Amino acid sequence: MKRLLAGMFFFGLGWSQRPVGRESLPDAKSLVDRHVQESGGWEALQSVRTLIVRGRISFAELGVSGKVTVYEGEEGETYQVMELPGAGKVETGNNGDVEWERSTIAGPKIVRVASVPGGLLRPSALRGLSLLPSVKMETIGLDRVDGRPCYQVRLSPPAPLPAQTQCYDRDSGFLTRTSLSIRLGDSTMQVVTVLRDYRDTGPVKNPFVTETQMPGQSFRIDSDSVHVNEPLPPEALDLPEDIRILAARKKDDMRTLEPEDDPDRPKLRRKKKR
């Protein structure tokens, strides 16, 4: 789901500007740096190891709402538990290698399996810091979020991490929207998240309201509490046994490239089922 930590990539430079037609747009790194300072500063953000959010989640189109708890690890691992009327317990998780779902009604399901170790992770605040030397940033224009003007910044991290567009409020400096494309098999899904109501959460400020839109679904999380650096329960990082078994089967069934007659012309061959 969303990135609830304060920002995704961080780098500090002085405020500079570049002309674009009649506008003068701030340098992208300066915008990110301003958000960092408003969120608590570099040292505070580097102290963040875990995040636990508890609150309510609502699906406007369905007219359904319930309790939600979101856990996030230092490397970007996520685990979410929802309790919805009529649906019971719904879990989603992503440890970087396997993205999965499990519910009272539908049972366990594998959403994606990474082609490389950790390939499904999105960078947390700390992981983003280490990626900065290879991240391209560019201010691409002006936009509005909730009627307020914001600067659009395009971030292009190294593969396999997806590029994204962020919007920084012109007055407050806070990150107010992220937009990225997630590849699912042969298709691509656009995910847009709006972040609101930043409050103190110990060493840093975090948004207490997030609203996410994707094809066929939108949901909103209103946080009752946001805790930084509390220990995560084992289930937030470890795969459940039934999910682990399904993931192993899916990996076993994946196609592999193996050369046959022509070593320069690899062909697909599916492994035989036992």
C-alpha atoms as a PDB file:
ATOM      1  CA  MET A   1       0.000   0.000   0.000  1.00  0.00           C
ATOM      2  CA  LYS A   2       0.994   3.545   0.611  1.00  0.00           C
ATOM      3  CA  ARG A   3       4.318   4.890   1.807  1.00  0.00           C
ATOM      4  CA  LEU A   4       3.401   6.418   5.172  1.00  0.00           C
ATOM      5  CA  LEU A   5       6.922   7.356   6.144  1.00  0.00           C
ATOM      6  CA  ALA A   6       7.796  10.987   5.566  1.00  0.00           C
ATOM      7  CA  GLY A   7       8.855  10.910   1.950  1.00  0.00           C
ATOM      8  CA  MET A   8      10.569   8.312  -0.212  1.00  0.00           C
ATOM      9  CA  PHE A   9      13.906   9.754  -1.335  1.00  0.00           C
ATOM     10  CA  PHE A  10      15.910  12.320   0.587  1.00  0.00           C
ATOM     11  CA  PHE A  11      18.791  14.560  -0.410  1.00  0.00           C
ATOM     12  CA  GLY A  12      19.763  18.019   0.828  1.00  0.00           C
ATOM     13  CA  LEU A  13      20.858  20.913  -1.335  1.00  0.00           C
ATOM     14  CA  GLY A  14      20.400  24.662  -1.102  1.00  0.00           C
ATOM     15  CA  TRP A  15      17.306  26.300  -2.636  1.00  0.00           C
ATOM     16  CA  SER A  16      17.817  27.004  -6.318  1.00  0.00           C
ATOM     17  CA  GLN A  17      15.504  27.836  -9.182  1.00  0.00           C
ATOM     18  CA  ARG A  18      15.322  27.298 -12.934  1.00  0.00           C
ATOM     19  CA  PRO A  19      13.142  29.182 -15.409  1.00  0.00           C
ATOM     20  CA  VAL A  20      10.393  27.364 -17.337  1.00  0.00           C
ATOM     21  CA  GLY A  21       8.590  29.737 -19.642  1.00  0.00           C
ATOM     22  CA  ARG A  22       7.021  32.396 -17.401  1.00  0.00           C
ATOM     23  CA  GLU A  23       7.350  30.208 -14.314  1.00  0.00           C
ATOM     24  CA  SER A  24      10.390  29.712 -12.100  1.00  0.00           C
ATOM     25  CA  LEU A  25      10.308  26.236 -10.595  1.00  0.00           C
ATOM     26  CA  PRO A  26      12.384  25.179  -7.574  1.00  0.00           C
ATOM     27  CA  ASP A  27      15.043  22.528  -8.070  1.00  0.00           C
ATOM     28  CA  ALA A  28      13.698  19.034  -7.317  1.00  0.00           C
ATOM     29  CA  LYS A  29      16.300  18.221  -4.670  1.00  0.00           C
ATOM     30  CA  SER A  30      15.503  21.474  -2.889  1.00  0.00           C
ATOM     31  CA  LEU A  31      11.828  20.532  -2.729  1.00  0.00           C
ATOM     32  CA  VAL A  32      12.642  17.124  -1.265  1.00  0.00           C
ATOM     33  CA  ASP A  33      15.025  18.745   1.208  1.00  0.00           C
ATOM     34  CA  ARG A  34      12.333  21.178   2.365  1.00  0.00           C
ATOM     35  CA  HIS A  35       9.914  18.306   2.999  1.00  0.00           C
ATOM     36  CA  VAL A  36      12.601  16.552   5.032  1.00  0.00           C
ATOM     37  CA  GLN A  37      13.186  19.608   7.193  1.00  0.00           C
ATOM     38  CA  GLU A  38       9.455  20.139   7.763  1.00  0.00           C
ATOM     39  CA  SER A  39       9.115  16.439   8.686  1.00  0.00           C
ATOM     40  CA  GLY A  40      11.751  16.598  11.411  1.00  0.00           C
ATOM     41  CA  GLY A  41      15.132  16.802   9.705  1.00  0.00           C
ATOM     42  CA  TRP A  42      17.731  14.364   8.442  1.00  0.00           C
ATOM     43  CA  GLU A  43      18.805  12.863  11.756  1.00  0.00           C
ATOM     44  CA  ALA A  44      15.222  12.242  12.853  1.00  0.00           C
ATOM     45  CA  LEU A  45      14.300  10.537   9.570  1.00  0.00           C
ATOM     46  CA  GLN A  46      17.411   8.358   9.722  1.00  0.00           C
ATOM     47  CA  SER A  47      16.361   7.215  13.206  1.00  0.00           C
ATOM     48  CA  VAL A  48      13.147   5.650  11.840  1.00  0.00           C
ATOM     49  CA  ARG A  49      13.297   1.849  11.807  1.00  0.00           C
ATOM     50  CA  THR A  50       9.652   0.720  11.955  1.00  0.00           C
ATOM     51  CA  LEU A  51       6.189   2.183  11.583  1.00  0.00           C
ATOM     52  CA  ILE A  52       2.876   0.954  13.047  1.00  0.00           C
ATOM     53  CA  VAL A  53      -0.388   2.650  12.063  1.00  0.00           C
ATOM     54  CA  ARG A  54      -3.759   1.864  13.628  1.00  0.00           C
ATOM     55  CA  GLY A  55      -7.042   3.368  12.516  1.00  0.00           C
ATOM     56  CA  ARG A  56     -10.026   2.934  10.217  1.00  0.00           C
ATOM     57  CA  ILE A  57     -10.136   2.077   6.541  1.00  0.00           C
ATOM     58  CA  SER A  58     -13.094   2.942   4.330  1.00  0.00           C
ATOM     59  CA  PHE A  59     -14.055   1.938   0.794  1.00  0.00           C
ATOM     60  CA  ALA A  60     -16.362   4.689  -0.476  1.00  0.00           C
ATOM     61  CA  GLU A  61     -17.667   2.827  -3.527  1.00  0.00           C
ATOM     62  CA  LEU A  62     -18.633  -0.186  -1.430  1.00  0.00           C
ATOM     63  CA  GLY A  63     -19.936   1.755   1.547  1.00  0.00           C
ATOM     64  CA  VAL A  64     -17.792  -0.424   3.829  1.00  0.00           C
ATOM     65  CA  SER A  65     -15.421   0.556   6.627  1.00  0.00           C
ATOM     66  CA  GLY A  66     -13.565  -1.258   9.374  1.00  0.00           C
ATOM     67  CA  LYS A  67     -10.462  -1.416  11.530  1.00  0.00           C
ATOM     68  CA  VAL A  68      -6.974  -1.540  10.027  1.00  0.00           C
ATOM     69  CA  THR A  69      -3.426  -1.970  11.299  1.00  0.00           C
ATOM     70  CA  VAL A  70      -0.433  -1.372   9.040  1.00  0.00           C
ATOM     71  CA  TYR A  71       3.126  -2.476   9.851  1.00  0.00           C
ATOM     72  CA  GLU A  72       6.210  -1.383   7.934  1.00  0.00           C
ATOM     73  CA  GLY A  73       9.779  -2.619   8.365  1.00  0.00           C
ATOM     74  CA  GLU A  74      13.051  -0.842   7.823  1.00  0.00           C
ATOM     75  CA  GLU A  75      13.611  -2.269   4.343  1.00  0.00           C
ATOM     76  CA  GLY A  76      10.077  -1.480   3.195  1.00  0.00           C
ATOM     77  CA  GLU A  77       8.389  -4.768   4.146  1.00  0.00           C
ATOM     78  CA  THR A  78       4.663  -4.313   4.775  1.00  0.00           C
ATOM     79  CA  TYR A  79       1.915  -6.245   6.526  1.00  0.00           C
ATOM     80  CA  GLN A  80      -1.679  -5.061   6.857  1.00  0.00           C
ATOM     81  CA  VAL A  81      -4.627  -6.496   8.763  1.00  0.00           C
ATOM     82  CA  MET A  82      -8.216  -5.369   8.147  1.00  0.00           C
ATOM     83  CA  GLU A  83     -11.405  -6.396   9.946  1.00  0.00           C
ATOM     84  CA  LEU A  84     -14.398  -5.643   7.722  1.00  0.00           C
ATOM     85  CA  PRO A  85     -18.115  -6.293   8.371  1.00  0.00           C
ATOM     86  CA  GLY A  86     -19.251  -9.291   6.337  1.00  0.00           C
ATOM     87  CA  ALA A  87     -15.721 -10.136   5.184  1.00  0.00           C
ATOM     88  CA  GLY A  88     -14.001 -10.992   8.438  1.00  0.00           C
ATOM     89  CA  LYS A  89     -10.230 -10.748   8.627  1.00  0.00           C
ATOM     90  CA  VAL A  90      -8.321  -9.664   5.521  1.00  0.00           C
ATOM     91  CA  GLU A  91      -4.511  -9.722   5.449  1.00  0.00           C
ATOM     92  CA  THR A  92      -2.031  -8.447   2.862  1.00  0.00           C
ATOM     93  CA  GLY A  93       1.736  -8.658   3.009  1.00  0.00           C
ATOM     94  CA  ASN A  94       4.907  -8.016   1.046  1.00  0.00           C
ATOM     95  CA  ASN A  95       8.308  -9.159   2.293  1.00  0.00           C
ATOM     96  CA  GLY A  96      10.080  -8.132  -0.908  1.00  0.00           C
ATOM     97  CA  ASP A  97      10.104 -11.625  -2.397  1.00  0.00           C
ATOM     98  CA  VAL A  98       6.394 -12.476  -2.171  1.00  0.00           C
ATOM     99  CA  GLU A  99       3.314 -10.261  -2.225  1.00  0.00           C
ATOM    100  CA  TRP A 100       0.295 -12.095  -0.834  1.00  0.00           C
ATOM    101  CA  GLU A 101      -3.277 -11.891   0.405  1.00  0.00           C
ATOM    102  CA  ARG A 102      -5.358 -13.989   2.800  1.00  0.00           C
ATOM    103  CA  SER A 103      -8.966 -13.595   3.911  1.00  0.00           C
ATOM    104  CA  THR A 104     -11.635 -15.449   5.860  1.00  0.00           C
ATOM    105  CA  ILE A 105     -13.737 -15.797   2.711  1.00  0.00           C
ATOM    106  CA  ALA A 106     -11.204 -16.395  -0.094  1.00  0.00           C
ATOM    107  CA  GLY A 107      -8.336 -18.041   1.775  1.00  0.00           C
ATOM    108  CA  PRO A 108      -4.636 -17.577   0.844  1.00  0.00           C
ATOM    109  CA  LYS A 109      -3.490 -16.132  -2.490  1.00  0.00           C
ATOM    110  CA  ILE A 110      -0.149 -15.227  -4.082  1.00  0.00           C
ATOM    111  CA  VAL A 111      -0.270 -11.868  -5.868  1.00  0.00           C
ATOM    112  CA  ARG A 112       3.310 -11.643  -7.130  1.00  0.00           C
ATOM    113  CA  VAL A 113       6.635 -13.414  -6.767  1.00  0.00           C
ATOM    114  CA  ALA A 114       9.818 -11.399  -7.299  1.00  0.00           C
ATOM    115  CA  SER A 115      12.100 -12.321 -10.188  1.00  0.00           C
ATOM    116  CA  VAL A 116      15.078 -11.144  -8.093  1.00  0.00           C
ATOM    117  CA  PRO A 117      15.467 -11.167  -4.285  1.00  0.00           C
ATOM    118  CA  GLY A 118      13.794  -8.110  -2.783  1.00  0.00           C
ATOM    119  CA  GLY A 119      12.455  -7.045  -6.171  1.00  0.00           C
ATOM    120  CA  LEU A 120       8.983  -6.200  -4.842  1.00  0.00           C
ATOM    121  CA  LEU A 121      10.112  -3.760  -2.173  1.00  0.00           C
ATOM    122  CA  ARG A 122       9.513  -0.052  -2.424  1.00  0.00           C
ATOM    123  CA  PRO A 123      12.182   1.994  -0.657  1.00  0.00           C
ATOM    124  CA  SER A 124      11.602   3.090   2.911  1.00  0.00           C
ATOM    125  CA  ALA A 125      13.109   6.352   4.122  1.00  0.00           C
ATOM    126  CA  LEU A 126      16.459   4.772   5.006  1.00  0.00           C
ATOM    127  CA  ARG A 127      16.637   2.602   1.919  1.00  0.00           C
ATOM    128  CA  GLY A 128      15.878   5.675  -0.175  1.00  0.00           C
ATOM    129  CA  LEU A 129      18.882   7.479   1.283  1.00  0.00           C
ATOM    130  CA  SER A 130      21.263   4.808  -0.001  1.00  0.00           C
ATOM    131  CA  LEU A 131      19.731   5.006  -3.487  1.00  0.00           C
ATOM    132  CA  LEU A 132      20.047   8.761  -3.926  1.00  0.00           C
ATOM    133  CA  PRO A 133      23.299   8.833  -5.916  1.00  0.00           C
ATOM    134  CA  SER A 134      21.558   6.905  -8.710  1.00  0.00           C
ATOM    135  CA  VAL A 135      18.122   8.583  -8.517  1.00  0.00           C
ATOM    136  CA  LYS A 136      17.240  11.150 -11.167  1.00  0.00           C
ATOM    137  CA  MET A 137      15.025  14.003  -9.908  1.00  0.00           C
ATOM    138  CA  GLU A 138      13.339  16.699 -11.957  1.00  0.00           C
ATOM    139  CA  THR A 139      10.734  19.362 -11.213  1.00  0.00           C
ATOM    140  CA  ILE A 140       8.249  19.045 -14.080  1.00  0.00           C
ATOM    141  CA  GLY A 141       5.541  21.583 -13.322  1.00  0.00           C
ATOM    142  CA  LEU A 142       2.789  22.912 -11.079  1.00  0.00           C
ATOM    143  CA  ASP A 143      -0.404  21.149 -10.029  1.00  0.00           C
ATOM    144  CA  ARG A 144      -3.025  21.218  -7.268  1.00  0.00           C
ATOM    145  CA  VAL A 145      -3.914  18.809  -4.463  1.00  0.00           C
ATOM    146  CA  ASP A 146      -7.103  19.539  -2.505  1.00  0.00           C
ATOM    147  CA  GLY A 147      -7.199  22.906  -4.254  1.00  0.00           C
ATOM    148  CA  ARG A 148      -3.733  23.906  -2.998  1.00  0.00           C
ATOM    149  CA  PRO A 149      -0.841  24.575  -5.426  1.00  0.00           C
ATOM    150  CA  CYS A 150       2.019  22.076  -5.400  1.00  0.00           C
ATOM    151  CA  TYR A 151       5.226  21.394  -7.318  1.00  0.00           C
ATOM    152  CA  GLN A 152       5.451  18.145  -9.309  1.00  0.00           C
ATOM    153  CA  VAL A 153       8.699  16.182  -9.046  1.00  0.00           C
ATOM    154  CA  ARG A 154       9.558  13.174 -11.198  1.00  0.00           C
ATOM    155  CA  LEU A 155      11.737  10.556  -9.474  1.00  0.00           C
ATOM    156  CA  SER A 156      13.473   7.853 -11.514  1.00  0.00           C
ATOM    157  CA  PRO A 157      15.259   5.321  -9.266  1.00  0.00           C
ATOM    158  CA  PRO A 158      17.305   2.391 -10.608  1.00  0.00           C
ATOM    159  CA  ALA A 159      15.462  -0.748 -11.762  1.00  0.00           C
ATOM    160  CA  PRO A 160      13.518  -2.656 -10.616  1.00  0.00           C
ATOM    161  CA  LEU A 161      12.059   0.168  -8.513  1.00  0.00           C
ATOM    162  CA  PRO A 162       9.275   2.048 -10.346  1.00  0.00           C
ATOM    163  CA  ALA A 163       9.501   5.704 -11.325  1.00  0.00           C
ATOM    164  CA  GLN A 164       7.008   7.984  -9.635  1.00  0.00           C
ATOM    165  CA  THR A 165       5.698  11.536  -9.605  1.00  0.00           C
ATOM    166  CA  GLN A 166       5.429  13.385  -6.305  1.00  0.00           C
ATOM    167  CA  CYS A 167       3.709  16.666  -5.467  1.00  0.00           C
ATOM    168  CA  TYR A 168       5.039  19.025  -2.762  1.00  0.00           C
ATOM    169  CA  ASP A 169       2.759  21.699  -1.279  1.00  0.00           C
ATOM    170  CA  ARG A 170       4.003  25.131  -2.300  1.00  0.00           C
ATOM    171  CA  ASP A 171       3.266  26.703   1.094  1.00  0.00           C
ATOM    172  CA  SER A 172       3.855  23.963   3.690  1.00  0.00           C
ATOM    173  CA  GLY A 173       6.559  22.052   1.805  1.00  0.00           C
ATOM    174  CA  PHE A 174       5.021  18.677   2.694  1.00  0.00           C
ATOM    175  CA  LEU A 175       4.673  15.788   0.260  1.00  0.00           C
ATOM    176  CA  THR A 176       0.951  15.719  -0.554  1.00  0.00           C
ATOM    177  CA  ARG A 177       0.612  13.194  -3.398  1.00  0.00           C
ATOM    178  CA  THR A 178       2.471  10.293  -4.991  1.00  0.00           C
ATOM    179  CA  SER A 179       1.694   8.613  -8.299  1.00  0.00           C
ATOM    180  CA  LEU A 180       3.390   5.490  -9.639  1.00  0.00           C
ATOM    181  CA  SER A 181       2.814   2.634 -12.054  1.00  0.00           C
ATOM    182  CA  ILE A 182       3.042  -0.928 -10.734  1.00  0.00           C
ATOM    183  CA  ARG A 183       3.601  -3.711 -13.241  1.00  0.00           C
ATOM    184  CA  LEU A 184       1.398  -6.793 -12.785  1.00  0.00           C
ATOM    185  CA  GLY A 185       2.332  -9.427 -15.340  1.00  0.00           C
ATOM    186  CA  ASP A 186       1.754  -7.934 -18.781  1.00  0.00           C
ATOM    187  CA  SER A 187      -0.341  -5.026 -17.504  1.00  0.00           C
ATOM    188  CA  THR A 188       0.416  -1.839 -15.583  1.00  0.00           C
ATOM    189  CA  MET A 189      -1.617  -0.377 -12.720  1.00  0.00           C
ATOM    190  CA  GLN A 190      -1.542   3.298 -11.780  1.00  0.00           C
ATOM    191  CA  VAL A 191      -1.640   3.989  -8.028  1.00  0.00           C
ATOM    192  CA  VAL A 192      -2.207   7.513  -6.703  1.00  0.00           C
ATOM    193  CA  THR A 193      -2.010   8.345  -2.990  1.00  0.00           C
ATOM    194  CA  VAL A 194      -2.894  11.675  -1.367  1.00  0.00           C
ATOM    195  CA  LEU A 195      -1.347  12.439   2.041  1.00  0.00           C
ATOM    196  CA  ARG A 196      -2.970  14.849   4.521  1.00  0.00           C
ATOM    197  CA  ASP A 197      -2.901  16.044   8.141  1.00  0.00           C
ATOM    198  CA  TYR A 198       0.774  15.778   9.115  1.00  0.00           C
ATOM    199  CA  ARG A 199       1.314  15.468  12.873  1.00  0.00           C
ATOM    200  CA  ASP A 200       4.181  14.852  15.283  1.00  0.00           C
ATOM    201  CA  THR A 201       4.869  11.139  15.816  1.00  0.00           C
ATOM    202  CA  GLY A 202       7.878  11.167  18.067  1.00  0.00           C
ATOM    203  CA  PRO A 203      11.000  12.161  16.116  1.00  0.00           C
ATOM    204  CA  VAL A 204       9.180  12.857  12.817  1.00  0.00           C
ATOM    205  CA  LYS A 205       5.906  14.082  11.367  1.00  0.00           C
ATOM    206  CA  ASN A 206       3.693  11.672   9.441  1.00  0.00           C
ATOM    207  CA  PRO A 207       0.371  12.046   7.598  1.00  0.00           C
ATOM    208  CA  PHE A 208      -2.663  10.853   9.575  1.00  0.00           C
ATOM    209  CA  VAL A 209      -4.926  10.647   6.512  1.00  0.00           C
ATOM    210  CA  THR A 210      -4.042   8.805   3.300  1.00  0.00           C
ATOM    211  CA  GLU A 211      -6.350   8.270   0.350  1.00  0.00           C
ATOM    212  CA  THR A 212      -5.380   5.836  -2.401  1.00  0.00           C
ATOM    213  CA  GLN A 213      -6.891   5.357  -5.839  1.00  0.00           C
ATOM    214  CA  MET A 214      -6.215   2.519  -8.265  1.00  0.00           C
ATOM    215  CA  PRO A 215      -8.211   0.939 -11.106  1.00  0.00           C
ATOM    216  CA  GLY A 216     -11.498  -0.376  -9.752  1.00  0.00           C
ATOM    217  CA  GLN A 217     -10.795   0.546  -6.147  1.00  0.00           C
ATOM    218  CA  SER A 218     -10.185   3.460  -3.805  1.00  0.00           C
ATOM    219  CA  PHE A 219      -9.767   3.508  -0.042  1.00  0.00           C
ATOM    220  CA  ARG A 220      -8.990   5.935   2.750  1.00  0.00           C
ATOM    221  CA  ILE A 221      -7.141   5.377   6.019  1.00  0.00           C
ATOM    222  CA  ASP A 222      -7.847   7.707   8.956  1.00  0.00           C
ATOM    223  CA  SER A 223      -5.198   7.004  11.563  1.00  0.00           C
ATOM    224  CA  ASP A 224      -5.963   6.935  15.272  1.00  0.00           C
ATOM    225  CA  SER A 225      -2.308   6.393  16.163  1.00  0.00           C
ATOM    226  CA  VAL A 226       1.060   6.304  14.386  1.00  0.00           C
ATOM    227  CA  HIS A 227       3.987   4.757  16.280  1.00  0.00           C
ATOM    228  CA  VAL A 228       7.610   4.977  15.197  1.00  0.00           C
ATOM    229  CA  ASN A 229      10.318   2.455  16.145  1.00  0.00           C
ATOM    230  CA  GLU A 230       8.114   0.020  18.053  1.00  0.00           C
ATOM    231  CA  PRO A 231       9.044  -3.686  17.643  1.00  0.00           C
ATOM    232  CA  LEU A 232       7.124  -5.441  14.881  1.00  0.00           C
ATOM    233  CA  PRO A 233       5.349  -8.752  15.601  1.00  0.00           C
ATOM    234  CA  PRO A 234       6.773 -11.843  13.834  1.00  0.00           C
ATOM    235  CA  GLU A 235       3.794 -12.055  11.463  1.00  0.00           C
ATOM    236  CA  ALA A 236       4.684  -8.625  10.063  1.00  0.00           C
ATOM    237  CA  LEU A 237       7.911  -9.980   8.576  1.00  0.00           C
ATOM    238  CA  ASP A 238       7.512 -13.770   8.230  1.00  0.00           C
ATOM    239  CA  LEU A 239       5.381 -15.524   5.610  1.00  0.00           C
ATOM    240  CA  PRO A 240       2.470 -17.563   7.003  1.00  0.00           C
ATOM    241  CA  GLU A 241       2.908 -21.306   6.422  1.00  0.00           C
ATOM    242  CA  ASP A 242       0.109 -21.633   3.851  1.00  0.00           C
ATOM    243  CA  ILE A 243       1.454 -18.628   1.925  1.00  0.00           C
ATOM    244  CA  ARG A 244       4.987 -20.031   2.035  1.00  0.00           C
ATOM    245  CA  ILE A 245       3.786 -23.319   0.505  1.00  0.00           C
ATOM    246  CA  LEU A 246       1.855 -21.538  -2.265  1.00  0.00           C
ATOM    247  CA  ALA A 247       4.810 -19.280  -3.052  1.00  0.00           C
ATOM    248  CA  ALA A 248       7.141 -22.280  -3.354  1.00  0.00           C
ATOM    249  CA  ARG A 249       4.733 -23.933  -5.789  1.00  0.00           C
ATOM    250  CA  LYS A 250       4.432 -20.772  -7.859  1.00  0.00           C
ATOM    251  CA  LYS A 251       8.203 -20.443  -8.138  1.00  0.00           C
ATOM    252  CA  ASP A 252       8.429 -24.096  -9.132  1.00  0.00           C
ATOM    253  CA  ASP A 253       5.872 -23.557 -11.905  1.00  0.00           C
ATOM    254  CA  MET A 254       7.507 -20.428 -13.332  1.00  0.00           C
ATOM    255  CA  ARG A 255       9.004 -20.698 -16.772  1.00  0.00           C
ATOM    256  CA  THR A 256      12.776 -20.834 -17.077  1.00  0.00           C
ATOM    257  CA  LEU A 257      15.010 -19.938 -19.985  1.00  0.00           C
ATOM    258  CA  GLU A 258      17.271 -22.780 -21.107  1.00  0.00           C
ATOM    259  CA  PRO A 259      19.378 -22.946 -24.291  1.00  0.00           C
ATOM    260  CA  GLU A 260      18.787 -25.924 -26.605  1.00  0.00           C
ATOM    261  CA  ASP A 261      20.244 -26.352 -30.100  1.00  0.00           C
ATOM    262  CA  ASP A 262      21.296 -22.749 -30.608  1.00  0.00           C
ATOM    263  CA  PRO A 263      23.094 -21.288 -27.560  1.00  0.00           C
ATOM    264  CA  ASP A 264      22.361 -17.765 -28.806  1.00  0.00           C
ATOM    265  CA  ARG A 265      18.628 -18.473 -29.070  1.00  0.00           C
ATOM    266  CA  PRO A 266      17.147 -19.371 -25.665  1.00  0.00           C
ATOM    267  CA  LYS A 267      13.761 -21.098 -25.665  1.00  0.00           C
ATOM    268  CA  LEU A 268      11.036 -21.404 -23.052  1.00  0.00           C
ATOM    269  CA  ARG A 269      10.422 -24.744 -21.430  1.00  0.00           C
ATOM    270  CA  ARG A 270       7.979 -25.394 -18.586  1.00  0.00           C
ATOM    271  CA  LYS A 271       9.073 -27.690 -15.801  1.00  0.00           C
ATOM    272  CA  LYS A 272       7.211 -30.967 -15.615  1.00  0.00           C
ATOM    273  CA  LYS A 273       4.856 -31.350 -12.699  1.00  0.00           C
ATOM    274  CA  ARG A 274       5.577 -34.160 -10.303  1.00  0.00           C
END
